[in-house]
C-alpha atoms as a PDB file:
ATOM      1  CA  MET A   1       0.000   0.000   0.000  1.00  0.00           C
ATOM      2  CA  LYS A   2       2.840   2.405   0.858  1.00  0.00           C
ATOM      3  CA  ARG A   3       4.413   1.722  -2.522  1.00  0.00           C
ATOM      4  CA  PHE A   4       1.155   2.524  -4.329  1.00  0.00           C
ATOM      5  CA  LEU A   5       0.649   5.751  -2.357  1.00  0.00           C
ATOM      6  CA  ALA A   6       4.239   6.820  -2.952  1.00  0.00           C
ATOM      7  CA  GLY A   7       3.794   6.280  -6.706  1.00  0.00           C
ATOM      8  CA  PHE A   8       0.401   7.958  -6.694  1.00  0.00           C
ATOM      9  CA  LEU A   9       1.744  11.076  -4.978  1.00  0.00           C
ATOM     10  CA  ILE A  10       4.312  11.659  -7.724  1.00  0.00           C
ATOM     11  CA  GLY A  11       2.069  10.491 -10.558  1.00  0.00           C
ATOM     12  CA  ASP A  12       3.924   7.223 -11.118  1.00  0.00           C
ATOM     13  CA  CYS A  13       1.293   4.547 -10.675  1.00  0.00           C
ATOM     14  CA  ALA A  14      -0.308   2.073 -13.042  1.00  0.00           C
ATOM     15  CA  PRO A  15      -3.844   3.533 -13.252  1.00  0.00           C
ATOM     16  CA  LEU A  16      -2.467   6.955 -14.133  1.00  0.00           C
ATOM     17  CA  ASN A  17       0.231   5.750 -16.514  1.00  0.00           C
ATOM     18  CA  LEU A  18      -1.846   3.109 -18.261  1.00  0.00           C
ATOM     19  CA  PHE A  19      -5.109   4.975 -18.718  1.00  0.00           C
ATOM     20  CA  LEU A  20      -5.346   8.583 -17.606  1.00  0.00           C
ATOM     21  CA  LYS A  21      -2.020   9.874 -18.964  1.00  0.00           C
ATOM     22  CA  PRO A  22      -2.421   8.487 -22.529  1.00  0.00           C
ATOM     23  CA  VAL A  23      -6.042   9.647 -22.724  1.00  0.00           C
ATOM     24  CA  MET A  24      -5.225  13.147 -21.476  1.00  0.00           C
ATOM     25  CA  LEU A  25      -2.257  13.488 -23.842  1.00  0.00           C
ATOM     26  CA  LEU A  26      -4.459  12.335 -26.728  1.00  0.00           C
ATOM     27  CA  GLY A  27      -7.097  14.890 -25.709  1.00  0.00           C
ATOM     28  CA  PHE A  28      -4.462  17.636 -25.602  1.00  0.00           C
ATOM     29  CA  ARG A  29      -3.136  16.598 -29.017  1.00  0.00           C
ATOM     30  CA  LEU A  30      -6.609  16.537 -30.582  1.00  0.00           C
ATOM     31  CA  TYR A  31      -7.669  19.867 -29.081  1.00  0.00           C
ATOM     32  CA  VAL A  32      -4.587  21.846 -30.052  1.00  0.00           C
ATOM     33  CA  ALA A  33      -4.487  20.180 -33.492  1.00  0.00           C
ATOM     34  CA  TYR A  34      -8.085  21.249 -34.100  1.00  0.00           C
ATOM     35  CA  VAL A  35      -7.338  24.851 -33.098  1.00  0.00           C
ATOM     36  CA  PHE A  36      -4.282  25.215 -35.317  1.00  0.00           C
ATOM     37  CA  PHE A  37      -5.697  23.277 -38.288  1.00  0.00           C
ATOM     38  CA  LYS A  38      -8.839  25.415 -38.234  1.00  0.00           C
ATOM     39  CA  SER A  39      -6.661  28.528 -38.168  1.00  0.00           C
ATOM     40  CA  GLY A  40      -4.605  27.190 -41.089  1.00  0.00           C
ATOM     41  CA  LEU A  41      -7.748  26.647 -43.144  1.00  0.00           C
ATOM     42  CA  THR A  42      -8.602  30.346 -42.835  1.00  0.00           C
ATOM     43  CA  LYS A  43      -5.289  31.214 -44.516  1.00  0.00           C
ATOM     44  CA  VAL A  44      -5.751  29.143 -47.682  1.00  0.00           C
ATOM     45  CA  ASP A  45      -8.349  28.990 -50.448  1.00  0.00           C
ATOM     46  CA  ASP A  46     -10.211  25.947 -51.779  1.00  0.00           C
ATOM     47  CA  SER A  47      -7.144  24.770 -53.705  1.00  0.00           C
ATOM     48  CA  TYR A  48      -4.952  25.093 -50.566  1.00  0.00           C
ATOM     49  CA  MET A  49      -3.068  28.083 -51.963  1.00  0.00           C
ATOM     50  CA  VAL A  50      -2.238  30.826 -49.482  1.00  0.00           C
ATOM     51  CA  THR A  51      -4.642  33.709 -50.040  1.00  0.00           C
ATOM     52  CA  SER A  52      -3.539  37.217 -50.934  1.00  0.00           C
ATOM     53  CA  SER A  53      -5.267  38.515 -47.800  1.00  0.00           C
ATOM     54  CA  THR A  54      -3.067  36.208 -45.699  1.00  0.00           C
ATOM     55  CA  ILE A  55       0.051  37.466 -47.441  1.00  0.00           C
ATOM     56  CA  ASP A  56      -1.080  41.074 -46.904  1.00  0.00           C
ATOM     57  CA  LEU A  57      -1.773  40.342 -43.240  1.00  0.00           C
ATOM     58  CA  PHE A  58       1.787  39.085 -42.817  1.00  0.00           C
ATOM     59  CA  LYS A  59       3.251  41.996 -44.773  1.00  0.00           C
ATOM     60  CA  TYR A  60       1.400  44.796 -43.024  1.00  0.00           C
ATOM     61  CA  GLU A  61       0.308  43.494 -39.616  1.00  0.00           C
ATOM     62  CA  TYR A  62       2.412  40.545 -38.464  1.00  0.00           C
ATOM     63  CA  MET A  63       5.785  41.353 -40.068  1.00  0.00           C
ATOM     64  CA  PRO A  64       5.730  45.020 -41.079  1.00  0.00           C
ATOM     65  CA  TYR A  65       9.410  45.621 -40.372  1.00  0.00           C
ATOM     66  CA  VAL A  66      10.810  42.939 -42.688  1.00  0.00           C
ATOM     67  CA  SER A  67      11.001  42.840 -46.474  1.00  0.00           C
ATOM     68  CA  GLU A  68       7.884  41.918 -48.415  1.00  0.00           C
ATOM     69  CA  ASN A  69       9.566  38.750 -49.692  1.00  0.00           C
ATOM     70  CA  LEU A  70      10.371  37.600 -46.170  1.00  0.00           C
ATOM     71  CA  ALA A  71       6.819  38.360 -45.030  1.00  0.00           C
ATOM     72  CA  THR A  72       5.466  36.343 -47.977  1.00  0.00           C
ATOM     73  CA  ILE A  73       7.707  33.399 -47.082  1.00  0.00           C
ATOM     74  CA  GLY A  74       6.504  33.714 -43.486  1.00  0.00           C
ATOM     75  CA  ALA A  75       2.890  33.602 -44.641  1.00  0.00           C
ATOM     76  CA  TYR A  76       3.480  30.405 -46.610  1.00  0.00           C
ATOM     77  CA  LEU A  77       5.490  28.716 -43.855  1.00  0.00           C
ATOM     78  CA  ALA A  78       3.010  29.589 -41.115  1.00  0.00           C
ATOM     79  CA  SER A  79      -0.031  28.624 -43.181  1.00  0.00           C
ATOM     80  CA  TYR A  80       1.288  25.235 -44.211  1.00  0.00           C
ATOM     81  CA  ALA A  81       2.726  24.550 -40.756  1.00  0.00           C
ATOM     82  CA  GLU A  82      -0.749  25.138 -39.313  1.00  0.00           C
ATOM     83  CA  LEU A  83      -2.095  22.534 -41.727  1.00  0.00           C
ATOM     84  CA  ALA A  84       0.652  19.885 -41.595  1.00  0.00           C
ATOM     85  CA  LEU A  85       1.798  19.864 -37.963  1.00  0.00           C
ATOM     86  CA  PRO A  86      -1.689  19.280 -36.487  1.00  0.00           C
ATOM     87  CA  ILE A  87      -2.049  16.178 -38.662  1.00  0.00           C
ATOM     88  CA  LEU A  88       1.168  14.836 -37.137  1.00  0.00           C
ATOM     89  CA  LEU A  89      -0.214  15.567 -33.666  1.00  0.00           C
ATOM     90  CA  VAL A  90      -3.483  13.751 -34.363  1.00  0.00           C
ATOM     91  CA  ILE A  91      -1.809  10.561 -35.545  1.00  0.00           C
ATOM     92  CA  GLY A  92       0.966  10.889 -32.976  1.00  0.00           C
ATOM     93  CA  PHE A  93       3.809  10.747 -35.495  1.00  0.00           C
ATOM     94  CA  LEU A  94       6.875  12.945 -34.925  1.00  0.00           C
ATOM     95  CA  THR A  95       4.809  14.388 -32.114  1.00  0.00           C
ATOM     96  CA  ARG A  96       7.542  16.195 -30.227  1.00  0.00           C
ATOM     97  CA  PRO A  97       8.928  18.027 -33.296  1.00  0.00           C
ATOM     98  CA  ALA A  98       5.359  18.912 -34.326  1.00  0.00           C
ATOM     99  CA  ALA A  99       4.555  20.240 -30.842  1.00  0.00           C
ATOM    100  CA  LEU A 100       7.778  22.259 -30.812  1.00  0.00           C
ATOM    101  CA  GLY A 101       6.994  23.720 -34.238  1.00  0.00           C
ATOM    102  CA  LEU A 102       3.501  24.733 -33.159  1.00  0.00           C
ATOM    103  CA  PHE A 103       4.871  26.100 -29.887  1.00  0.00           C
ATOM    104  CA  ILE A 104       7.222  28.389 -31.808  1.00  0.00           C
ATOM    105  CA  LEU A 105       4.456  29.364 -34.236  1.00  0.00           C
ATOM    106  CA  ASN A 106       2.174  30.119 -31.280  1.00  0.00           C
ATOM    107  CA  ALA A 107       4.841  32.224 -29.567  1.00  0.00           C
ATOM    108  CA  VAL A 108       5.413  34.274 -32.717  1.00  0.00           C
ATOM    109  CA  ALA A 109       1.656  34.701 -33.180  1.00  0.00           C
ATOM    110  CA  ALA A 110       1.229  35.794 -29.555  1.00  0.00           C
ATOM    111  CA  TYR A 111       4.056  38.302 -29.923  1.00  0.00           C
ATOM    112  CA  SER A 112       2.596  39.618 -33.186  1.00  0.00           C
ATOM    113  CA  LEU A 113      -0.851  39.871 -31.614  1.00  0.00           C
ATOM    114  CA  ALA A 114       0.569  41.911 -28.746  1.00  0.00           C
ATOM    115  CA  GLN A 115       1.974  44.403 -31.273  1.00  0.00           C
ATOM    116  CA  THR A 116      -1.376  45.074 -32.951  1.00  0.00           C
ATOM    117  CA  ASP A 117      -4.117  47.493 -32.016  1.00  0.00           C
ATOM    118  CA  PHE A 118      -6.696  44.725 -31.818  1.00  0.00           C
ATOM    119  CA  ALA A 119      -4.868  42.747 -29.161  1.00  0.00           C
ATOM    120  CA  SER A 120      -7.161  41.445 -26.447  1.00  0.00           C
ATOM    121  CA  ALA A 121      -6.671  39.858 -23.062  1.00  0.00           C
ATOM    122  CA  ALA A 122      -8.742  36.854 -24.134  1.00  0.00           C
ATOM    123  CA  GLY A 123      -6.516  36.282 -27.150  1.00  0.00           C
ATOM    124  CA  HIS A 124      -3.416  36.387 -24.983  1.00  0.00           C
ATOM    125  CA  TRP A 125      -4.834  33.854 -22.522  1.00  0.00           C
ATOM    126  CA  GLN A 126      -5.737  31.533 -25.390  1.00  0.00           C
ATOM    127  CA  HIS A 127      -2.165  31.659 -26.666  1.00  0.00           C
ATOM    128  CA  ILE A 128      -0.850  31.011 -23.162  1.00  0.00           C
ATOM    129  CA  ALA A 129      -3.147  27.992 -22.765  1.00  0.00           C
ATOM    130  CA  TRP A 130      -2.121  26.587 -26.164  1.00  0.00           C
ATOM    131  CA  GLY A 131       1.532  27.175 -25.305  1.00  0.00           C
ATOM    132  CA  ILE A 132       1.156  25.267 -22.028  1.00  0.00           C
ATOM    133  CA  ILE A 133      -0.613  22.379 -23.760  1.00  0.00           C
ATOM    134  CA  LEU A 134       2.099  22.217 -26.426  1.00  0.00           C
ATOM    135  CA  ALA A 135       4.810  22.355 -23.748  1.00  0.00           C
ATOM    136  CA  VAL A 136       3.149  19.429 -21.938  1.00  0.00           C
ATOM    137  CA  ILE A 137       2.968  17.410 -25.170  1.00  0.00           C
ATOM    138  CA  PHE A 138       6.610  18.191 -25.925  1.00  0.00           C
ATOM    139  CA  SER A 139       7.719  17.371 -22.371  1.00  0.00           C
ATOM    140  CA  PHE A 140       5.780  14.143 -21.872  1.00  0.00           C
ATOM    141  CA  GLY A 141       5.636  12.941 -25.473  1.00  0.00           C
ATOM    142  CA  PRO A 142       2.547  11.739 -27.289  1.00  0.00           C
ATOM    143  CA  GLY A 143       1.563   9.057 -24.791  1.00  0.00           C
ATOM    144  CA  GLY A 144       0.603   5.474 -25.444  1.00  0.00           C
ATOM    145  CA  LEU A 145      -2.082   6.222 -28.041  1.00  0.00           C
ATOM    146  CA  SER A 146       0.252   7.225 -30.867  1.00  0.00           C
ATOM    147  CA  LEU A 147       2.274   5.965 -33.802  1.00  0.00           C
ATOM    148  CA  ASP A 148       5.398   7.201 -32.035  1.00  0.00           C
ATOM    149  CA  LYS A 149       4.710   4.718 -29.221  1.00  0.00           C
ATOM    150  CA  LEU A 150       4.255   1.836 -31.681  1.00  0.00           C
ATOM    151  CA  ILE A 151       7.447   2.731 -33.533  1.00  0.00           C
ATOM    152  CA  SER A 152       9.343   3.157 -30.272  1.00  0.00           C
ATOM    153  CA  ASN A 153       8.198  -0.247 -29.013  1.00  0.00           C
ATOM    154  CA  LYS A 154       9.185  -1.871 -32.306  1.00  0.00           C
ATOM    155  CA  TRP A 155      12.658  -0.296 -32.206  1.00  0.00           C
ATOM    156  CA  LYS A 156      13.146  -1.325 -28.560  1.00  0.00           C
ATOM    157  CA  ASN A 157      12.272  -4.937 -29.345  1.00  0.00           C
ATOM    158  CA  SER A 158      14.467  -5.302 -32.433  1.00  0.00           C
END
């Protein structure tokens, strides 16, 4: 009993590790993937080409102090990252690099938002929450319900 309580107090016990932790990490991955994928869809048209309004937003709002070419590259990179990295999170493949990429994207977006006139407290708290979720995913990995876990187990056993 003492062993169970000691493990439970530091979060190292079978019920937490076998059920709760993988389910919570999956929930985090699905939630943050949904948020970023939905945001990515607003930046592209029906043929998945970055819209001119997205490019203008990067040129004049998000990155006004850099060259237009660099702002255009930023628009493309951010838009496609918001579409590709959430897919990796959902399937749990290359989860830590995907979480790190979205964490950086989120930090840049939060900084850019703070520089605009339409910055809001609610928007900042959303970015903080997403950043914390992404930091948890990066720190703890994807959990047991992921392709990364299957690949890792296969590599360990070969």
